[in-house]
């Protein structure tokens, strides 16, 4: 199972917050890094044995600018990249940055789902903007799929196990989970369901989980 650390970027800095309330996000404080520099944080992730990271450009997702230069500078590790893809133009730009994520929060051209990592963006238990069955019909067999519980991001209250179990039963695609991870038991639960990877942020920055250890244990 792949451990995929997260970097949320806003105004050039790595940031953290809770529940997707992006106006309240603040520069990241972490036991892993002395400052919220996204490039330095990515280097630390790589040094800890991580093979791929998840980057979200929150400015681009919110439509108030972008952090593309910084993301391009992180060229020493594989990246899943969410830049709020809405249409083909956005998608082509995202391809120059890393592996594009197309999420239900922002996408308007659903045909793009067949080509990208698909993020099923949930808030308060509901898929944002679309019917789940309709979205799943767009998937090819090899699409990687992220189940992202936005309302749980940064809360540490535990992953939405029922939601994850339901999605796992619906699709055989490579499946990733993000949002609310609490402790090692959440990782063990995902491992038991043959989840392919887990997005992780708060738990490693607060020292609840040791990044180097979990990368090795679940490799």
N, C-alpha and C. Protein backbone atom coordinates (compact mmCIF):
# COMPACT_ATOMS: atom_id res chain seq x y z
N UNK A 1 0.85 -1.18 0.00
CA UNK A 1 0.00 0.00 0.00
C UNK A 1 0.89 1.24 0.00
N UNK A 2 0.60 2.14 -0.89
CA UNK A 2 1.44 3.33 -1.07
C UNK A 2 1.06 4.43 -0.06
N UNK A 3 2.06 4.96 0.60
CA UNK A 3 1.86 6.11 1.49
C UNK A 3 2.17 7.36 0.66
N UNK A 4 1.16 8.24 0.51
CA UNK A 4 1.27 9.41 -0.36
C UNK A 4 1.10 10.68 0.47
N UNK A 5 2.20 11.30 0.89
CA UNK A 5 2.09 12.55 1.66
C UNK A 5 1.52 13.69 0.81
N UNK A 6 0.83 14.58 1.47
CA UNK A 6 0.13 15.69 0.82
C UNK A 6 0.88 16.99 1.01
N UNK A 7 0.87 17.82 -0.03
CA UNK A 7 1.29 19.22 0.11
C UNK A 7 0.19 20.09 -0.47
N UNK A 8 -0.47 20.86 0.37
CA UNK A 8 -1.44 21.86 -0.08
C UNK A 8 -0.70 23.19 -0.17
N UNK A 9 -0.77 23.82 -1.34
CA UNK A 9 -0.03 25.07 -1.55
C UNK A 9 -0.99 26.24 -1.72
N UNK A 10 -0.72 27.31 -0.99
CA UNK A 10 -1.49 28.54 -1.10
C UNK A 10 -0.55 29.73 -0.96
N UNK A 11 -0.58 30.63 -1.93
CA UNK A 11 0.27 31.82 -1.91
C UNK A 11 1.75 31.46 -1.70
N UNK A 12 2.15 30.37 -2.36
CA UNK A 12 3.54 29.98 -2.34
C UNK A 12 4.01 29.17 -1.15
N UNK A 13 3.12 28.93 -0.20
CA UNK A 13 3.49 28.21 1.01
C UNK A 13 2.70 26.93 1.17
N UNK A 14 3.31 25.95 1.82
CA UNK A 14 2.56 24.77 2.25
C UNK A 14 1.66 25.20 3.40
N UNK A 15 0.38 24.79 3.33
CA UNK A 15 -0.59 25.23 4.32
C UNK A 15 -1.34 24.04 4.90
N UNK A 16 -2.05 24.30 5.98
CA UNK A 16 -2.89 23.27 6.59
C UNK A 16 -4.17 23.91 7.10
N UNK A 17 -5.19 23.09 7.20
CA UNK A 17 -6.48 23.57 7.70
C UNK A 17 -7.40 22.39 7.91
N UNK A 18 -8.64 22.69 8.20
CA UNK A 18 -9.61 21.64 8.50
C UNK A 18 -10.86 21.77 7.64
N UNK A 19 -11.37 20.62 7.25
CA UNK A 19 -12.70 20.54 6.66
C UNK A 19 -12.89 21.28 5.36
N UNK A 20 -11.80 21.59 4.67
CA UNK A 20 -11.95 22.27 3.39
C UNK A 20 -12.29 23.74 3.50
N UNK A 21 -12.21 24.32 4.71
CA UNK A 21 -12.48 25.75 4.87
C UNK A 21 -11.22 26.52 4.51
N UNK A 22 -11.00 26.68 3.20
CA UNK A 22 -9.70 27.14 2.71
C UNK A 22 -9.39 28.58 3.10
N UNK A 23 -10.39 29.39 3.37
CA UNK A 23 -10.12 30.77 3.80
C UNK A 23 -9.44 30.80 5.17
N UNK A 24 -9.53 29.69 5.90
CA UNK A 24 -8.95 29.63 7.24
C UNK A 24 -7.64 28.85 7.26
N UNK A 25 -7.17 28.39 6.11
CA UNK A 25 -5.91 27.65 6.07
C UNK A 25 -4.75 28.59 6.44
N UNK A 26 -3.76 28.03 7.12
CA UNK A 26 -2.62 28.80 7.58
C UNK A 26 -1.32 28.08 7.21
N UNK A 27 -0.18 28.80 7.18
CA UNK A 27 1.09 28.13 6.88
C UNK A 27 1.31 26.91 7.76
N UNK A 28 1.81 25.87 7.13
CA UNK A 28 1.98 24.59 7.79
C UNK A 28 3.05 24.66 8.89
N UNK A 29 2.73 24.09 10.03
CA UNK A 29 3.74 23.82 11.06
C UNK A 29 3.85 22.31 11.18
N UNK A 30 5.09 21.80 11.15
CA UNK A 30 5.29 20.36 11.07
C UNK A 30 6.57 19.97 11.79
N UNK A 31 6.55 18.80 12.42
CA UNK A 31 7.77 18.28 13.03
C UNK A 31 8.76 17.83 11.96
N UNK A 32 8.31 17.72 10.71
CA UNK A 32 9.17 17.25 9.64
C UNK A 32 10.00 18.36 9.02
N UNK A 33 9.52 19.60 9.11
CA UNK A 33 10.17 20.70 8.40
C UNK A 33 10.16 21.97 9.25
N UNK A 34 11.26 22.72 9.25
CA UNK A 34 11.31 23.95 10.04
C UNK A 34 10.54 25.11 9.43
N UNK A 35 10.12 24.98 8.18
CA UNK A 35 9.39 26.06 7.53
C UNK A 35 8.40 25.49 6.52
N UNK A 36 7.44 26.30 6.06
CA UNK A 36 6.39 25.82 5.15
C UNK A 36 6.75 25.93 3.67
N UNK A 37 8.03 25.71 3.35
CA UNK A 37 8.47 25.76 1.96
C UNK A 37 8.08 24.46 1.26
N UNK A 38 7.21 24.52 0.24
CA UNK A 38 6.75 23.28 -0.39
C UNK A 38 7.86 22.46 -1.03
N UNK A 39 8.86 23.12 -1.60
CA UNK A 39 9.94 22.39 -2.26
C UNK A 39 10.78 21.64 -1.24
N UNK A 40 11.09 22.30 -0.13
CA UNK A 40 11.87 21.64 0.91
C UNK A 40 11.09 20.49 1.54
N UNK A 41 9.79 20.67 1.69
CA UNK A 41 8.96 19.61 2.25
C UNK A 41 8.94 18.39 1.33
N UNK A 42 8.84 18.63 0.04
CA UNK A 42 8.86 17.53 -0.92
C UNK A 42 10.19 16.77 -0.86
N UNK A 43 11.30 17.51 -0.68
CA UNK A 43 12.61 16.86 -0.55
C UNK A 43 12.66 15.97 0.69
N UNK A 44 12.07 16.45 1.77
CA UNK A 44 12.03 15.66 3.00
C UNK A 44 11.22 14.39 2.77
N UNK A 45 10.08 14.51 2.12
CA UNK A 45 9.27 13.33 1.82
C UNK A 45 10.09 12.30 1.04
N UNK A 46 10.81 12.76 0.04
CA UNK A 46 11.62 11.85 -0.76
C UNK A 46 12.70 11.18 0.09
N UNK A 47 13.36 11.96 0.94
CA UNK A 47 14.40 11.42 1.81
C UNK A 47 13.86 10.36 2.76
N UNK A 48 12.57 10.43 3.05
CA UNK A 48 11.94 9.46 3.96
C UNK A 48 11.45 8.22 3.22
N UNK A 49 11.76 8.11 1.93
CA UNK A 49 11.44 6.90 1.19
C UNK A 49 10.14 6.93 0.42
N UNK A 50 9.53 8.10 0.35
CA UNK A 50 8.27 8.25 -0.39
C UNK A 50 8.55 8.23 -1.90
N UNK A 51 7.69 7.55 -2.66
CA UNK A 51 7.89 7.47 -4.11
C UNK A 51 6.99 8.42 -4.89
N UNK A 52 5.90 8.86 -4.26
CA UNK A 52 4.97 9.76 -4.94
C UNK A 52 4.27 10.63 -3.91
N UNK A 53 4.02 11.89 -4.29
CA UNK A 53 3.33 12.81 -3.40
C UNK A 53 2.08 13.36 -4.09
N UNK A 54 1.21 13.95 -3.29
CA UNK A 54 -0.02 14.57 -3.77
C UNK A 54 0.11 16.07 -3.52
N UNK A 55 -0.07 16.86 -4.58
CA UNK A 55 -0.01 18.31 -4.45
C UNK A 55 -1.33 18.92 -4.88
N UNK A 56 -1.87 19.78 -4.05
CA UNK A 56 -3.08 20.54 -4.41
C UNK A 56 -2.73 22.02 -4.45
N UNK A 57 -2.99 22.64 -5.59
CA UNK A 57 -2.80 24.08 -5.74
C UNK A 57 -4.12 24.75 -5.37
N UNK A 58 -4.21 25.17 -4.11
CA UNK A 58 -5.48 25.70 -3.61
C UNK A 58 -5.85 27.02 -4.27
N UNK A 59 -4.85 27.83 -4.62
CA UNK A 59 -5.15 29.08 -5.30
C UNK A 59 -5.82 28.82 -6.65
N UNK A 60 -5.27 27.86 -7.40
CA UNK A 60 -5.85 27.53 -8.71
C UNK A 60 -7.23 26.91 -8.55
N UNK A 61 -7.39 26.05 -7.56
CA UNK A 61 -8.70 25.43 -7.32
C UNK A 61 -9.75 26.48 -7.01
N UNK A 62 -9.35 27.52 -6.26
CA UNK A 62 -10.29 28.58 -5.89
C UNK A 62 -10.39 29.68 -6.95
N UNK A 63 -9.54 29.60 -7.99
CA UNK A 63 -9.60 30.58 -9.07
C UNK A 63 -9.03 31.93 -8.72
N UNK A 64 -7.98 31.94 -7.87
CA UNK A 64 -7.40 33.23 -7.45
C UNK A 64 -5.90 33.29 -7.74
N UNK A 65 -5.45 32.56 -8.73
CA UNK A 65 -4.03 32.52 -9.07
C UNK A 65 -3.56 31.09 -9.18
N UNK A 66 -2.24 30.91 -9.20
CA UNK A 66 -1.71 29.55 -9.24
C UNK A 66 -0.30 29.52 -8.66
N UNK A 67 0.18 28.31 -8.43
CA UNK A 67 1.52 28.08 -7.91
C UNK A 67 2.29 27.14 -8.83
N UNK A 68 2.08 27.31 -10.13
CA UNK A 68 2.65 26.38 -11.11
C UNK A 68 4.17 26.38 -11.09
N UNK A 69 4.80 27.54 -10.90
CA UNK A 69 6.26 27.59 -10.91
C UNK A 69 6.84 26.73 -9.79
N UNK A 70 6.21 26.78 -8.64
CA UNK A 70 6.68 25.98 -7.51
C UNK A 70 6.48 24.50 -7.79
N UNK A 71 5.32 24.15 -8.32
CA UNK A 71 5.04 22.74 -8.61
C UNK A 71 6.02 22.21 -9.66
N UNK A 72 6.32 23.02 -10.67
CA UNK A 72 7.29 22.60 -11.68
C UNK A 72 8.66 22.39 -11.08
N UNK A 73 9.00 23.18 -10.06
CA UNK A 73 10.31 23.05 -9.42
C UNK A 73 10.44 21.75 -8.63
N UNK A 74 9.32 21.17 -8.27
CA UNK A 74 9.34 19.87 -7.57
C UNK A 74 9.39 18.79 -8.65
N UNK A 75 10.57 18.66 -9.26
CA UNK A 75 10.75 17.79 -10.41
C UNK A 75 11.59 16.55 -10.09
N UNK A 76 11.75 16.27 -8.79
CA UNK A 76 12.63 15.20 -8.34
C UNK A 76 11.85 14.04 -7.71
N UNK A 77 10.52 14.09 -7.81
CA UNK A 77 9.68 13.04 -7.26
C UNK A 77 8.38 12.99 -8.06
N UNK A 78 7.78 11.82 -8.13
CA UNK A 78 6.51 11.68 -8.85
C UNK A 78 5.41 12.42 -8.10
N UNK A 79 4.50 13.03 -8.86
CA UNK A 79 3.47 13.88 -8.27
C UNK A 79 2.09 13.57 -8.84
N UNK A 80 1.10 13.39 -7.96
CA UNK A 80 -0.30 13.57 -8.33
C UNK A 80 -0.59 15.05 -8.14
N UNK A 81 -1.25 15.68 -9.10
CA UNK A 81 -1.43 17.13 -9.02
C UNK A 81 -2.90 17.51 -9.23
N UNK A 82 -3.46 18.18 -8.23
CA UNK A 82 -4.83 18.71 -8.34
C UNK A 82 -4.74 20.22 -8.47
N UNK A 83 -5.08 20.72 -9.65
CA UNK A 83 -5.08 22.17 -9.89
C UNK A 83 -6.48 22.65 -10.27
N UNK A 84 -7.48 21.91 -9.82
CA UNK A 84 -8.85 22.34 -10.07
C UNK A 84 -9.25 22.25 -11.53
N UNK A 85 -8.91 21.15 -12.18
CA UNK A 85 -9.21 20.99 -13.61
C UNK A 85 -10.71 21.11 -13.86
N UNK A 86 -11.06 22.01 -14.78
CA UNK A 86 -12.45 22.19 -15.18
C UNK A 86 -12.70 21.71 -16.61
N UNK A 87 -11.73 21.97 -17.48
CA UNK A 87 -11.93 21.69 -18.90
C UNK A 87 -10.63 21.21 -19.52
N UNK A 88 -10.66 20.99 -20.83
CA UNK A 88 -9.50 20.46 -21.54
C UNK A 88 -8.27 21.38 -21.40
N UNK A 89 -8.48 22.66 -21.46
CA UNK A 89 -7.36 23.59 -21.34
C UNK A 89 -6.67 23.42 -19.99
N UNK A 90 -7.46 23.36 -18.92
CA UNK A 90 -6.89 23.14 -17.60
C UNK A 90 -6.13 21.81 -17.53
N UNK A 91 -6.72 20.81 -18.16
CA UNK A 91 -6.12 19.47 -18.11
C UNK A 91 -4.75 19.45 -18.78
N UNK A 92 -4.65 20.09 -19.93
CA UNK A 92 -3.38 20.11 -20.64
C UNK A 92 -2.31 20.85 -19.84
N UNK A 93 -2.70 21.91 -19.14
CA UNK A 93 -1.75 22.61 -18.27
C UNK A 93 -1.32 21.71 -17.11
N UNK A 94 -2.28 21.00 -16.56
CA UNK A 94 -1.97 20.12 -15.44
C UNK A 94 -0.99 19.03 -15.83
N UNK A 95 -1.07 18.56 -17.06
CA UNK A 95 -0.18 17.49 -17.54
C UNK A 95 1.28 17.92 -17.55
N UNK A 96 1.52 19.23 -17.63
CA UNK A 96 2.91 19.72 -17.62
C UNK A 96 3.48 19.75 -16.21
N UNK A 97 2.65 19.51 -15.21
CA UNK A 97 3.06 19.62 -13.82
C UNK A 97 3.27 18.27 -13.15
N UNK A 98 2.56 17.24 -13.62
CA UNK A 98 2.60 15.93 -12.98
C UNK A 98 1.47 15.07 -13.50
N UNK A 99 1.05 14.11 -12.70
CA UNK A 99 -0.08 13.26 -13.07
C UNK A 99 -1.36 14.02 -12.72
N UNK A 100 -2.15 14.41 -13.72
CA UNK A 100 -3.31 15.25 -13.43
C UNK A 100 -4.40 14.51 -12.66
N UNK A 101 -4.96 15.21 -11.71
CA UNK A 101 -6.15 14.75 -11.01
C UNK A 101 -7.35 15.53 -11.55
N UNK A 102 -8.42 14.82 -11.84
CA UNK A 102 -9.67 15.46 -12.23
C UNK A 102 -10.69 15.14 -11.14
N UNK A 103 -11.14 16.17 -10.44
CA UNK A 103 -12.02 15.97 -9.29
C UNK A 103 -13.44 16.46 -9.53
N UNK A 104 -14.38 15.82 -8.87
CA UNK A 104 -15.79 16.21 -9.05
C UNK A 104 -16.08 17.59 -8.49
N UNK A 105 -15.22 18.10 -7.63
CA UNK A 105 -15.43 19.45 -7.10
C UNK A 105 -15.40 20.50 -8.20
N UNK A 106 -14.55 20.29 -9.20
CA UNK A 106 -14.33 21.35 -10.20
C UNK A 106 -14.64 20.96 -11.64
N UNK A 107 -14.54 19.69 -12.01
CA UNK A 107 -14.59 19.30 -13.43
C UNK A 107 -15.95 19.63 -14.07
N UNK A 108 -15.86 20.09 -15.32
CA UNK A 108 -17.07 20.35 -16.10
C UNK A 108 -17.13 19.45 -17.35
N UNK A 109 -15.98 19.12 -17.92
CA UNK A 109 -15.92 18.21 -19.07
C UNK A 109 -15.68 16.79 -18.57
N UNK A 110 -16.76 16.02 -18.43
CA UNK A 110 -16.66 14.72 -17.79
C UNK A 110 -15.86 13.71 -18.60
N UNK A 111 -15.71 13.95 -19.89
CA UNK A 111 -14.91 13.05 -20.70
C UNK A 111 -13.46 12.97 -20.23
N UNK A 112 -13.00 14.00 -19.53
CA UNK A 112 -11.63 14.01 -19.01
C UNK A 112 -11.40 12.94 -17.95
N UNK A 113 -12.47 12.48 -17.34
CA UNK A 113 -12.34 11.48 -16.28
C UNK A 113 -11.68 10.21 -16.79
N UNK A 114 -11.87 9.90 -18.06
CA UNK A 114 -11.32 8.67 -18.63
C UNK A 114 -9.80 8.72 -18.75
N UNK A 115 -9.24 9.93 -18.69
CA UNK A 115 -7.82 10.10 -18.98
C UNK A 115 -6.96 10.34 -17.75
N UNK A 116 -7.58 10.56 -16.61
CA UNK A 116 -6.85 11.11 -15.47
C UNK A 116 -7.01 10.26 -14.21
N UNK A 117 -6.29 10.66 -13.17
CA UNK A 117 -6.60 10.20 -11.83
C UNK A 117 -7.91 10.88 -11.44
N UNK A 118 -8.88 10.11 -11.00
CA UNK A 118 -10.20 10.66 -10.69
C UNK A 118 -10.35 10.83 -9.18
N UNK A 119 -10.70 12.03 -8.77
CA UNK A 119 -10.94 12.29 -7.36
C UNK A 119 -12.45 12.40 -7.11
N UNK A 120 -12.96 11.46 -6.33
CA UNK A 120 -14.36 11.51 -5.90
C UNK A 120 -14.39 12.38 -4.66
N UNK A 121 -14.82 13.62 -4.82
CA UNK A 121 -14.75 14.61 -3.75
C UNK A 121 -16.06 14.63 -2.97
N UNK A 122 -15.96 14.17 -1.74
CA UNK A 122 -17.14 14.11 -0.88
C UNK A 122 -17.08 15.20 0.19
N UNK A 123 -18.24 15.72 0.52
CA UNK A 123 -18.35 16.65 1.64
C UNK A 123 -19.63 16.32 2.40
N UNK A 124 -19.47 16.10 3.69
CA UNK A 124 -20.60 15.70 4.54
C UNK A 124 -21.32 14.49 3.97
N UNK A 125 -20.53 13.56 3.45
CA UNK A 125 -21.07 12.30 2.97
C UNK A 125 -21.66 12.31 1.57
N UNK A 126 -21.64 13.48 0.91
CA UNK A 126 -22.24 13.58 -0.42
C UNK A 126 -21.18 13.93 -1.46
N UNK A 127 -21.26 13.25 -2.61
CA UNK A 127 -20.35 13.55 -3.70
C UNK A 127 -20.67 14.93 -4.25
N UNK A 128 -19.63 15.77 -4.37
CA UNK A 128 -19.84 17.13 -4.84
C UNK A 128 -20.22 17.14 -6.32
N UNK A 129 -21.33 17.79 -6.63
CA UNK A 129 -21.75 18.20 -7.97
C UNK A 129 -22.33 17.11 -8.87
N UNK A 130 -22.10 15.84 -8.55
CA UNK A 130 -22.53 14.79 -9.47
C UNK A 130 -23.11 13.61 -8.72
N UNK A 131 -23.81 12.77 -9.51
CA UNK A 131 -24.30 11.49 -9.01
C UNK A 131 -23.17 10.47 -9.11
N UNK A 132 -22.93 9.73 -8.04
CA UNK A 132 -21.81 8.79 -8.01
C UNK A 132 -21.88 7.77 -9.14
N UNK A 133 -23.03 7.21 -9.37
CA UNK A 133 -23.17 6.19 -10.42
C UNK A 133 -22.80 6.76 -11.79
N UNK A 134 -23.22 7.99 -12.04
CA UNK A 134 -22.89 8.61 -13.33
C UNK A 134 -21.38 8.76 -13.50
N UNK A 135 -20.71 9.18 -12.44
CA UNK A 135 -19.26 9.37 -12.52
C UNK A 135 -18.55 8.04 -12.72
N UNK A 136 -18.98 7.02 -11.99
CA UNK A 136 -18.32 5.72 -12.10
C UNK A 136 -18.45 5.13 -13.50
N UNK A 137 -19.51 5.49 -14.20
CA UNK A 137 -19.69 5.00 -15.56
C UNK A 137 -18.63 5.52 -16.53
N UNK A 138 -17.96 6.60 -16.16
CA UNK A 138 -16.92 7.17 -17.02
C UNK A 138 -15.57 6.48 -16.83
N UNK A 139 -15.43 5.71 -15.77
CA UNK A 139 -14.13 5.16 -15.44
C UNK A 139 -13.73 4.03 -16.38
N UNK A 140 -12.46 4.02 -16.76
CA UNK A 140 -11.89 2.86 -17.39
C UNK A 140 -11.35 1.93 -16.31
N UNK A 141 -10.93 0.74 -16.70
CA UNK A 141 -10.47 -0.23 -15.71
C UNK A 141 -9.20 0.21 -15.00
N UNK A 142 -8.39 1.03 -15.66
CA UNK A 142 -7.08 1.37 -15.11
C UNK A 142 -7.03 2.74 -14.44
N UNK A 143 -8.13 3.48 -14.48
CA UNK A 143 -8.13 4.78 -13.80
C UNK A 143 -7.83 4.62 -12.32
N UNK A 144 -6.85 5.35 -11.82
CA UNK A 144 -6.68 5.44 -10.37
C UNK A 144 -7.78 6.35 -9.83
N UNK A 145 -8.32 5.98 -8.69
CA UNK A 145 -9.44 6.71 -8.10
C UNK A 145 -9.10 7.09 -6.66
N UNK A 146 -9.34 8.36 -6.32
CA UNK A 146 -9.16 8.84 -4.96
C UNK A 146 -10.53 9.08 -4.34
N UNK A 147 -10.76 8.53 -3.16
CA UNK A 147 -11.94 8.87 -2.37
C UNK A 147 -11.49 9.93 -1.37
N UNK A 148 -11.87 11.17 -1.62
CA UNK A 148 -11.41 12.29 -0.80
C UNK A 148 -12.57 12.85 0.01
N UNK A 149 -12.46 12.68 1.32
CA UNK A 149 -13.48 13.21 2.23
C UNK A 149 -13.03 14.60 2.68
N UNK A 150 -13.44 15.61 1.92
CA UNK A 150 -12.98 16.98 2.16
C UNK A 150 -13.38 17.47 3.55
N UNK A 151 -14.55 17.08 4.00
CA UNK A 151 -15.02 17.57 5.30
C UNK A 151 -14.20 17.01 6.47
N UNK A 152 -13.43 15.95 6.21
CA UNK A 152 -12.60 15.37 7.27
C UNK A 152 -11.14 15.78 7.20
N UNK A 153 -10.75 16.46 6.12
CA UNK A 153 -9.35 16.84 5.95
C UNK A 153 -8.86 17.65 7.15
N UNK A 154 -7.74 17.23 7.70
CA UNK A 154 -7.12 17.97 8.80
C UNK A 154 -7.75 17.79 10.16
N UNK A 155 -8.83 17.01 10.25
CA UNK A 155 -9.53 16.87 11.52
C UNK A 155 -8.94 15.77 12.40
N UNK A 156 -8.33 14.76 11.78
CA UNK A 156 -7.81 13.64 12.54
C UNK A 156 -8.88 12.82 13.23
N UNK A 157 -10.10 12.91 12.74
CA UNK A 157 -11.20 12.22 13.41
C UNK A 157 -11.38 10.78 12.93
N UNK A 158 -10.59 10.38 11.97
CA UNK A 158 -10.70 9.04 11.42
C UNK A 158 -11.31 9.06 10.03
N UNK A 159 -10.88 8.14 9.20
CA UNK A 159 -11.39 8.06 7.84
C UNK A 159 -12.83 7.57 7.85
N UNK A 160 -13.54 7.85 6.77
CA UNK A 160 -14.93 7.42 6.64
C UNK A 160 -14.95 5.97 6.16
N UNK A 161 -14.94 5.07 7.08
CA UNK A 161 -14.79 3.65 6.74
C UNK A 161 -15.96 3.12 5.93
N UNK A 162 -17.14 3.53 6.27
CA UNK A 162 -18.31 3.04 5.53
C UNK A 162 -18.25 3.49 4.07
N UNK A 163 -17.91 4.74 3.85
CA UNK A 163 -17.79 5.27 2.49
C UNK A 163 -16.73 4.51 1.70
N UNK A 164 -15.58 4.32 2.33
CA UNK A 164 -14.48 3.63 1.65
C UNK A 164 -14.87 2.19 1.32
N UNK A 165 -15.48 1.52 2.25
CA UNK A 165 -15.91 0.14 2.01
C UNK A 165 -16.91 0.08 0.86
N UNK A 166 -17.83 1.03 0.82
CA UNK A 166 -18.84 1.04 -0.25
C UNK A 166 -18.20 1.25 -1.62
N UNK A 167 -17.27 2.18 -1.71
CA UNK A 167 -16.61 2.43 -3.00
C UNK A 167 -15.78 1.22 -3.42
N UNK A 168 -15.08 0.63 -2.46
CA UNK A 168 -14.27 -0.56 -2.77
C UNK A 168 -15.13 -1.68 -3.35
N UNK A 169 -16.36 -1.81 -2.86
CA UNK A 169 -17.26 -2.85 -3.36
C UNK A 169 -17.79 -2.53 -4.76
N UNK A 170 -17.80 -1.24 -5.10
CA UNK A 170 -18.37 -0.83 -6.39
C UNK A 170 -17.36 -0.91 -7.54
N UNK A 171 -16.08 -0.73 -7.24
CA UNK A 171 -15.09 -0.66 -8.33
C UNK A 171 -13.86 -1.51 -8.00
N UNK A 172 -13.21 -1.97 -9.07
CA UNK A 172 -11.96 -2.73 -8.93
C UNK A 172 -10.74 -1.89 -9.26
N UNK A 173 -10.94 -0.62 -9.52
CA UNK A 173 -9.83 0.27 -9.89
C UNK A 173 -8.83 0.42 -8.76
N UNK A 174 -7.59 0.79 -9.10
CA UNK A 174 -6.66 1.19 -8.03
C UNK A 174 -7.29 2.31 -7.21
N UNK A 175 -7.34 2.13 -5.90
CA UNK A 175 -8.12 3.03 -5.05
C UNK A 175 -7.25 3.66 -3.97
N UNK A 176 -7.37 4.98 -3.85
CA UNK A 176 -6.64 5.76 -2.86
C UNK A 176 -7.65 6.46 -1.93
N UNK A 177 -7.21 6.71 -0.71
CA UNK A 177 -8.10 7.27 0.31
C UNK A 177 -7.46 8.51 0.92
N UNK A 178 -8.24 9.57 1.12
CA UNK A 178 -7.73 10.77 1.75
C UNK A 178 -8.77 11.45 2.61
N UNK A 179 -8.31 12.05 3.70
CA UNK A 179 -9.20 12.85 4.54
C UNK A 179 -9.49 12.25 5.89
N UNK A 180 -8.91 12.83 6.95
CA UNK A 180 -9.29 12.48 8.31
C UNK A 180 -8.51 11.37 8.96
N UNK A 181 -7.46 10.87 8.31
CA UNK A 181 -6.73 9.74 8.88
C UNK A 181 -6.30 10.05 10.31
N UNK A 182 -6.58 9.10 11.20
CA UNK A 182 -6.37 9.33 12.63
C UNK A 182 -5.10 8.69 13.16
N UNK A 183 -4.93 7.40 12.88
CA UNK A 183 -3.79 6.68 13.45
C UNK A 183 -3.52 5.41 12.65
N UNK A 184 -2.66 4.57 13.20
CA UNK A 184 -2.23 3.35 12.50
C UNK A 184 -3.40 2.43 12.20
N UNK A 185 -4.44 2.48 13.02
CA UNK A 185 -5.59 1.60 12.79
C UNK A 185 -6.31 1.94 11.50
N UNK A 186 -6.33 3.20 11.14
CA UNK A 186 -6.93 3.57 9.86
C UNK A 186 -6.10 3.00 8.70
N UNK A 187 -4.78 3.04 8.81
CA UNK A 187 -3.94 2.46 7.77
C UNK A 187 -4.15 0.95 7.68
N UNK A 188 -4.26 0.31 8.82
CA UNK A 188 -4.48 -1.14 8.83
C UNK A 188 -5.83 -1.50 8.22
N UNK A 189 -6.83 -0.68 8.47
CA UNK A 189 -8.15 -0.90 7.87
C UNK A 189 -8.06 -0.82 6.35
N UNK A 190 -7.39 0.21 5.85
CA UNK A 190 -7.24 0.36 4.40
C UNK A 190 -6.46 -0.80 3.80
N UNK A 191 -5.43 -1.21 4.48
CA UNK A 191 -4.63 -2.34 4.01
C UNK A 191 -5.48 -3.60 3.92
N UNK A 192 -6.36 -3.79 4.89
CA UNK A 192 -7.21 -4.98 4.91
C UNK A 192 -8.21 -5.00 3.77
N UNK A 193 -8.53 -3.82 3.23
CA UNK A 193 -9.47 -3.73 2.10
C UNK A 193 -8.77 -3.71 0.75
N UNK A 194 -7.46 -3.94 0.77
CA UNK A 194 -6.67 -3.87 -0.46
C UNK A 194 -6.72 -2.48 -1.09
N UNK A 195 -6.78 -1.45 -0.26
CA UNK A 195 -6.66 -0.09 -0.77
C UNK A 195 -5.22 0.09 -1.27
N UNK A 196 -5.07 0.76 -2.40
CA UNK A 196 -3.76 0.86 -3.03
C UNK A 196 -2.88 1.94 -2.44
N UNK A 197 -3.49 2.96 -1.85
CA UNK A 197 -2.69 4.02 -1.27
C UNK A 197 -3.50 4.93 -0.37
N UNK A 198 -2.81 5.62 0.52
CA UNK A 198 -3.47 6.53 1.46
C UNK A 198 -2.78 7.89 1.41
N UNK A 199 -3.57 8.94 1.24
CA UNK A 199 -3.06 10.31 1.30
C UNK A 199 -2.96 10.71 2.77
N UNK A 200 -1.84 11.28 3.15
CA UNK A 200 -1.64 11.55 4.56
C UNK A 200 -0.96 12.90 4.76
N UNK A 201 -1.44 13.66 5.75
CA UNK A 201 -0.88 14.96 6.04
C UNK A 201 -0.76 15.20 7.53
N UNK A 202 -1.86 15.57 8.15
CA UNK A 202 -1.86 16.00 9.55
C UNK A 202 -1.19 15.00 10.48
N UNK A 203 -1.45 13.72 10.31
CA UNK A 203 -0.94 12.70 11.23
C UNK A 203 0.58 12.63 11.23
N UNK A 204 1.21 12.92 10.08
CA UNK A 204 2.68 12.89 10.05
C UNK A 204 3.26 14.22 10.51
N UNK A 205 2.55 15.31 10.27
CA UNK A 205 3.07 16.61 10.68
C UNK A 205 2.99 16.80 12.19
N UNK A 206 2.02 16.16 12.82
CA UNK A 206 1.88 16.24 14.28
C UNK A 206 2.67 15.17 15.00
N UNK A 207 3.25 14.24 14.25
CA UNK A 207 4.03 13.18 14.87
C UNK A 207 3.21 12.01 15.38
N UNK A 208 1.95 11.96 15.01
CA UNK A 208 1.10 10.83 15.41
C UNK A 208 1.59 9.56 14.72
N UNK A 209 2.00 9.70 13.48
CA UNK A 209 2.58 8.59 12.73
C UNK A 209 3.96 8.99 12.24
N UNK A 210 4.88 8.03 12.25
CA UNK A 210 6.23 8.26 11.77
C UNK A 210 6.27 7.92 10.28
N UNK A 211 6.54 8.93 9.46
CA UNK A 211 6.46 8.74 8.01
C UNK A 211 7.41 7.66 7.52
N UNK A 212 8.64 7.69 7.98
CA UNK A 212 9.62 6.71 7.52
C UNK A 212 9.18 5.29 7.87
N UNK A 213 8.63 5.12 9.06
CA UNK A 213 8.21 3.79 9.51
C UNK A 213 7.03 3.27 8.70
N UNK A 214 6.02 4.12 8.47
CA UNK A 214 4.83 3.61 7.79
C UNK A 214 5.11 3.36 6.31
N UNK A 215 6.02 4.13 5.72
CA UNK A 215 6.41 3.85 4.33
C UNK A 215 6.99 2.44 4.24
N UNK A 216 7.82 2.06 5.21
CA UNK A 216 8.44 0.74 5.20
C UNK A 216 7.44 -0.36 5.53
N UNK A 217 6.62 -0.14 6.55
CA UNK A 217 5.69 -1.17 7.01
C UNK A 217 4.68 -1.55 5.93
N UNK A 218 4.19 -0.55 5.19
CA UNK A 218 3.12 -0.82 4.23
C UNK A 218 3.60 -0.90 2.78
N UNK A 219 4.91 -0.92 2.59
CA UNK A 219 5.46 -0.96 1.24
C UNK A 219 5.02 -2.23 0.50
